[in-house]
């Protein structure tokens, strides 16, 4: 299965979407902390770690493919 994007611009858009999602996750973590809901906070921490790992993996794939954003 080929995971390469059809257009280099779509990778930039996807990156913005993931980073925006991480910002929302960060906001959610702060809110969960204020509410002191430990279970919700732990699940959000796990989700954020998974999102960051996926972003790092995607960036590594782009680097290995020679993709460079301008």
Protein backbone atom coordinates (compact mmCIF):
# COMPACT_ATOMS: atom_id res chain seq x y z
CA UNK A 1 0.00 0.00 0.00
CA UNK A 2 1.39 3.36 -1.01
CA UNK A 3 0.93 6.12 1.58
CA UNK A 4 2.47 8.90 -0.50
CA UNK A 5 0.22 11.89 -1.13
CA UNK A 6 -0.77 12.89 -4.63
CA UNK A 7 0.14 16.52 -4.13
CA UNK A 8 2.83 18.03 -1.89
CA UNK A 9 0.34 20.70 -0.77
CA UNK A 10 -1.94 18.09 0.74
CA UNK A 11 0.86 17.10 3.13
CA UNK A 12 1.06 20.67 4.39
CA UNK A 13 -2.70 20.79 4.88
CA UNK A 14 -2.63 17.48 6.73
CA UNK A 15 0.16 18.78 8.92
CA UNK A 16 -1.87 21.86 9.82
CA UNK A 17 -4.85 19.65 10.62
CA UNK A 18 -2.82 17.39 12.91
CA UNK A 19 -1.16 20.31 14.66
CA UNK A 20 -4.56 21.97 15.10
CA UNK A 21 -5.85 18.73 16.58
CA UNK A 22 -2.92 18.66 18.98
CA UNK A 23 -3.78 22.21 20.05
CA UNK A 24 -7.35 21.14 20.75
CA UNK A 25 -6.03 18.15 22.67
CA UNK A 26 -3.82 20.45 24.73
CA UNK A 27 -6.82 22.63 25.53
CA UNK A 28 -8.75 19.51 26.52
CA UNK A 29 -5.94 18.42 28.84
CA UNK A 30 -5.97 21.80 30.55
CA UNK A 31 -9.74 21.62 30.93
CA UNK A 32 -9.57 18.07 32.30
CA UNK A 33 -6.94 19.19 34.79
CA UNK A 34 -9.18 21.98 35.99
CA UNK A 35 -12.04 19.54 36.37
CA UNK A 36 -9.75 16.99 38.09
CA UNK A 37 -11.28 14.13 36.09
CA UNK A 38 -8.35 11.72 36.23
CA UNK A 39 -9.72 9.03 33.89
CA UNK A 40 -10.57 11.54 31.19
CA UNK A 41 -7.19 13.22 31.59
CA UNK A 42 -5.33 9.90 31.21
CA UNK A 43 -7.26 8.97 28.08
CA UNK A 44 -6.49 12.36 26.55
CA UNK A 45 -2.81 12.01 27.43
CA UNK A 46 -2.76 8.66 25.65
CA UNK A 47 -4.56 10.11 22.63
CA UNK A 48 -2.14 13.02 22.45
CA UNK A 49 0.87 10.71 22.68
CA UNK A 50 -0.58 8.57 19.88
CA UNK A 51 -1.18 11.67 17.72
CA UNK A 52 2.35 12.95 18.31
CA UNK A 53 3.80 9.53 17.47
CA UNK A 54 1.74 9.37 14.27
CA UNK A 55 2.89 12.85 13.29
CA UNK A 56 6.54 11.96 13.92
CA UNK A 57 6.16 8.76 11.92
CA UNK A 58 4.54 10.63 9.02
CA UNK A 59 7.27 13.27 9.07
CA UNK A 60 9.93 10.55 9.04
CA UNK A 61 8.26 8.96 6.01
CA UNK A 62 8.27 12.31 4.20
CA UNK A 63 11.93 12.87 5.04
CA UNK A 64 12.89 9.40 3.83
CA UNK A 65 10.97 10.00 0.59
CA UNK A 66 12.87 13.23 -0.02
CA UNK A 67 9.80 15.41 0.47
CA UNK A 68 10.62 18.99 1.47
CA UNK A 69 7.93 21.58 2.22
CA UNK A 70 8.61 25.05 0.88
